[in-house]
Amino acid sequence: MELIVQATFAGGVLVPQDTLSLSDNTRVQIRITVSDNELLAQSTLFGAFPQLAALAETKADDIKQIWNDSIEQQLEIMQTEDC
């Protein structure tokens, strides 16, 4: 039997989006393919704003607010250093 299942890696565990019709203790073989969207998010956010990279499941408005807060903090630091 072969299935393609969408899952999220959280807390060290792969969590399928849908219920699997498998008996307990059934051994399976897993092939992991990271979605293109996830790779893009990690490559553009990881490093510069790691707190944003960790928010893949968060609403876009929340991410925008964190982005704006980070920019404001950077501006404040720059203004303080200029004085």
N, C-alpha and C. Protein backbone atom coordinates (compact mmCIF):
# COMPACT_ATOMS: atom_id res chain seq x y z
N MET A 1 0.84 -1.18 0.00
CA MET A 1 0.00 0.00 0.00
C MET A 1 0.89 1.24 0.00
N GLU A 2 0.53 2.25 -0.78
CA GLU A 2 1.29 3.49 -0.83
C GLU A 2 0.34 4.67 -0.67
N LEU A 3 0.71 5.59 0.22
CA LEU A 3 -0.08 6.79 0.48
C LEU A 3 0.83 8.01 0.37
N ILE A 4 0.27 9.12 -0.05
CA ILE A 4 0.97 10.40 0.04
C ILE A 4 0.22 11.20 1.09
N VAL A 5 0.92 11.60 2.13
CA VAL A 5 0.30 12.25 3.28
C VAL A 5 0.99 13.57 3.55
N GLN A 6 0.24 14.62 3.78
CA GLN A 6 0.79 15.90 4.21
C GLN A 6 0.95 15.84 5.73
N ALA A 7 2.09 16.32 6.21
CA ALA A 7 2.35 16.29 7.65
C ALA A 7 3.15 17.51 8.05
N THR A 8 3.11 17.81 9.33
CA THR A 8 3.88 18.91 9.90
C THR A 8 4.82 18.33 10.94
N PHE A 9 6.06 18.81 10.93
CA PHE A 9 7.04 18.37 11.92
C PHE A 9 6.96 19.33 13.10
N ALA A 10 6.54 18.83 14.25
CA ALA A 10 6.37 19.68 15.44
C ALA A 10 6.80 18.91 16.67
N GLY A 11 7.64 19.54 17.48
CA GLY A 11 8.07 18.92 18.73
C GLY A 11 8.81 17.61 18.52
N GLY A 12 9.52 17.48 17.40
CA GLY A 12 10.28 16.27 17.15
C GLY A 12 9.46 15.12 16.58
N VAL A 13 8.20 15.40 16.21
CA VAL A 13 7.31 14.34 15.73
C VAL A 13 6.64 14.79 14.43
N LEU A 14 6.51 13.88 13.46
CA LEU A 14 5.73 14.17 12.27
C LEU A 14 4.25 13.96 12.58
N VAL A 15 3.45 14.99 12.35
CA VAL A 15 2.02 14.93 12.65
C VAL A 15 1.25 14.99 11.33
N PRO A 16 0.59 13.89 10.92
CA PRO A 16 -0.17 13.91 9.67
C PRO A 16 -1.36 14.85 9.76
N GLN A 17 -1.69 15.49 8.63
CA GLN A 17 -2.84 16.39 8.61
C GLN A 17 -4.15 15.61 8.67
N ASP A 18 -4.16 14.42 8.12
CA ASP A 18 -5.36 13.59 8.11
C ASP A 18 -5.13 12.33 8.94
N THR A 19 -6.22 11.74 9.41
CA THR A 19 -6.13 10.49 10.15
C THR A 19 -5.70 9.37 9.22
N LEU A 20 -4.77 8.56 9.67
CA LEU A 20 -4.29 7.44 8.87
C LEU A 20 -5.03 6.17 9.28
N SER A 21 -5.42 5.38 8.30
CA SER A 21 -6.13 4.13 8.60
C SER A 21 -5.13 2.99 8.73
N LEU A 22 -4.29 3.10 9.76
CA LEU A 22 -3.28 2.09 10.05
C LEU A 22 -3.49 1.54 11.45
N SER A 23 -3.18 0.28 11.62
CA SER A 23 -3.26 -0.32 12.95
C SER A 23 -2.10 0.18 13.80
N ASP A 24 -2.28 0.20 15.11
CA ASP A 24 -1.19 0.57 16.00
C ASP A 24 0.02 -0.31 15.74
N ASN A 25 1.19 0.30 15.88
CA ASN A 25 2.48 -0.38 15.72
C ASN A 25 2.76 -0.87 14.30
N THR A 26 2.01 -0.38 13.31
CA THR A 26 2.31 -0.71 11.93
C THR A 26 3.59 0.00 11.53
N ARG A 27 4.56 -0.74 11.00
CA ARG A 27 5.82 -0.15 10.56
C ARG A 27 5.62 0.41 9.16
N VAL A 28 6.12 1.63 8.95
CA VAL A 28 6.01 2.27 7.64
C VAL A 28 7.37 2.81 7.23
N GLN A 29 7.52 3.06 5.97
CA GLN A 29 8.72 3.70 5.44
C GLN A 29 8.31 5.11 5.02
N ILE A 30 9.11 6.09 5.39
CA ILE A 30 8.74 7.49 5.14
C ILE A 30 9.77 8.14 4.22
N ARG A 31 9.29 8.82 3.21
CA ARG A 31 10.14 9.65 2.35
C ARG A 31 9.70 11.09 2.59
N ILE A 32 10.64 11.93 2.98
CA ILE A 32 10.30 13.31 3.34
C ILE A 32 10.67 14.25 2.20
N THR A 33 9.70 15.07 1.79
CA THR A 33 9.92 16.12 0.79
C THR A 33 9.40 17.41 1.40
N VAL A 34 10.28 18.37 1.58
CA VAL A 34 9.87 19.65 2.15
C VAL A 34 9.22 20.47 1.04
N SER A 35 8.07 21.07 1.34
CA SER A 35 7.35 21.85 0.33
C SER A 35 8.17 23.05 -0.11
N ASP A 36 7.98 23.48 -1.35
CA ASP A 36 8.70 24.63 -1.88
C ASP A 36 8.42 25.88 -1.06
N ASN A 37 7.18 26.05 -0.60
CA ASN A 37 6.83 27.22 0.22
C ASN A 37 7.60 27.24 1.53
N GLU A 38 7.77 26.08 2.13
CA GLU A 38 8.51 25.99 3.39
C GLU A 38 9.98 26.30 3.17
N LEU A 39 10.55 25.78 2.09
CA LEU A 39 11.95 26.07 1.79
C LEU A 39 12.17 27.55 1.55
N LEU A 40 11.24 28.19 0.85
CA LEU A 40 11.34 29.62 0.58
C LEU A 40 11.28 30.41 1.89
N ALA A 41 10.35 30.05 2.75
CA ALA A 41 10.22 30.75 4.03
C ALA A 41 11.48 30.60 4.86
N GLN A 42 12.05 29.41 4.90
CA GLN A 42 13.26 29.19 5.68
C GLN A 42 14.44 29.94 5.10
N SER A 43 14.56 29.95 3.78
CA SER A 43 15.73 30.58 3.18
C SER A 43 15.68 32.09 3.27
N THR A 44 14.49 32.69 3.28
CA THR A 44 14.40 34.13 3.31
C THR A 44 14.29 34.68 4.73
N LEU A 45 13.78 33.90 5.66
CA LEU A 45 13.57 34.40 7.01
C LEU A 45 14.59 33.87 8.01
N PHE A 46 15.07 32.68 7.79
CA PHE A 46 15.98 32.06 8.75
C PHE A 46 17.27 32.87 8.80
N GLY A 47 17.73 33.17 9.96
CA GLY A 47 18.96 33.95 10.11
C GLY A 47 18.65 35.40 10.40
N ALA A 48 18.06 36.10 9.45
CA ALA A 48 17.77 37.52 9.66
C ALA A 48 16.67 37.71 10.70
N PHE A 49 15.63 36.91 10.59
CA PHE A 49 14.50 37.01 11.53
C PHE A 49 14.06 35.60 11.92
N PRO A 50 14.84 34.90 12.74
CA PRO A 50 14.49 33.52 13.08
C PRO A 50 13.13 33.41 13.77
N GLN A 51 12.71 34.49 14.47
CA GLN A 51 11.40 34.42 15.12
C GLN A 51 10.28 34.34 14.08
N LEU A 52 10.50 34.89 12.89
CA LEU A 52 9.49 34.79 11.84
C LEU A 52 9.49 33.41 11.19
N ALA A 53 10.65 32.83 11.01
CA ALA A 53 10.75 31.50 10.40
C ALA A 53 10.01 30.46 11.23
N ALA A 54 9.94 30.66 12.52
CA ALA A 54 9.28 29.71 13.41
C ALA A 54 7.77 29.86 13.38
N LEU A 55 7.25 30.83 12.67
CA LEU A 55 5.82 31.12 12.70
C LEU A 55 5.09 30.67 11.44
N ALA A 56 5.48 29.55 10.86
CA ALA A 56 4.89 29.11 9.61
C ALA A 56 3.38 28.93 9.70
N GLU A 57 2.87 28.59 10.86
CA GLU A 57 1.45 28.35 11.02
C GLU A 57 0.68 29.59 11.48
N THR A 58 1.37 30.69 11.69
CA THR A 58 0.75 31.89 12.23
C THR A 58 0.12 32.73 11.14
N LYS A 59 -0.87 33.51 11.50
CA LYS A 59 -1.54 34.39 10.54
C LYS A 59 -0.56 35.40 9.97
N ALA A 60 -0.80 35.78 8.72
CA ALA A 60 0.06 36.74 8.04
C ALA A 60 0.09 38.08 8.78
N ASP A 61 -1.03 38.51 9.36
CA ASP A 61 -1.07 39.78 10.09
C ASP A 61 -0.13 39.75 11.29
N ASP A 62 -0.06 38.61 11.97
CA ASP A 62 0.84 38.48 13.12
C ASP A 62 2.30 38.58 12.66
N ILE A 63 2.60 37.95 11.54
CA ILE A 63 3.96 38.00 11.01
C ILE A 63 4.33 39.42 10.60
N LYS A 64 3.39 40.12 9.95
CA LYS A 64 3.64 41.50 9.56
C LYS A 64 3.90 42.37 10.79
N GLN A 65 3.16 42.15 11.86
CA GLN A 65 3.35 42.93 13.08
C GLN A 65 4.73 42.68 13.68
N ILE A 66 5.16 41.44 13.71
CA ILE A 66 6.50 41.12 14.23
C ILE A 66 7.56 41.77 13.36
N TRP A 67 7.36 41.73 12.04
CA TRP A 67 8.29 42.37 11.11
C TRP A 67 8.38 43.86 11.41
N ASN A 68 7.22 44.52 11.52
CA ASN A 68 7.20 45.96 11.78
C ASN A 68 7.84 46.29 13.13
N ASP A 69 7.58 45.48 14.14
CA ASP A 69 8.19 45.70 15.46
C ASP A 69 9.71 45.58 15.36
N SER A 70 10.19 44.60 14.60
CA SER A 70 11.64 44.42 14.45
C SER A 70 12.27 45.61 13.74
N ILE A 71 11.61 46.12 12.72
CA ILE A 71 12.11 47.29 12.00
C ILE A 71 12.16 48.50 12.93
N GLU A 72 11.10 48.69 13.72
CA GLU A 72 11.06 49.82 14.66
C GLU A 72 12.20 49.71 15.68
N GLN A 73 12.45 48.49 16.17
CA GLN A 73 13.55 48.29 17.13
C GLN A 73 14.90 48.63 16.50
N GLN A 74 15.07 48.24 15.25
CA GLN A 74 16.33 48.54 14.56
C GLN A 74 16.50 50.04 14.38
N LEU A 75 15.42 50.73 14.01
CA LEU A 75 15.48 52.18 13.85
C LEU A 75 15.82 52.87 15.16
N GLU A 76 15.22 52.41 16.25
CA GLU A 76 15.50 52.99 17.56
C GLU A 76 16.97 52.81 17.93
N ILE A 77 17.51 51.65 17.66
CA ILE A 77 18.93 51.39 17.94
C ILE A 77 19.82 52.31 17.13
N MET A 78 19.49 52.45 15.85
CA MET A 78 20.28 53.32 14.98
C MET A 78 20.22 54.78 15.43
N GLN A 79 19.04 55.23 15.86
CA GLN A 79 18.88 56.60 16.30
C GLN A 79 19.64 56.83 17.62
N THR A 80 19.63 55.84 18.49
CA THR A 80 20.35 55.95 19.77
C THR A 80 21.84 56.01 19.53
N GLU A 81 22.35 55.23 18.60
CA GLU A 81 23.78 55.21 18.31
C GLU A 81 24.24 56.50 17.64
N ASP A 82 23.34 57.19 16.92
CA ASP A 82 23.69 58.45 16.27
C ASP A 82 23.83 59.60 17.25
N CYS A 83 23.16 59.51 18.39
CA CYS A 83 23.17 60.62 19.36
C CYS A 83 24.48 60.72 20.11
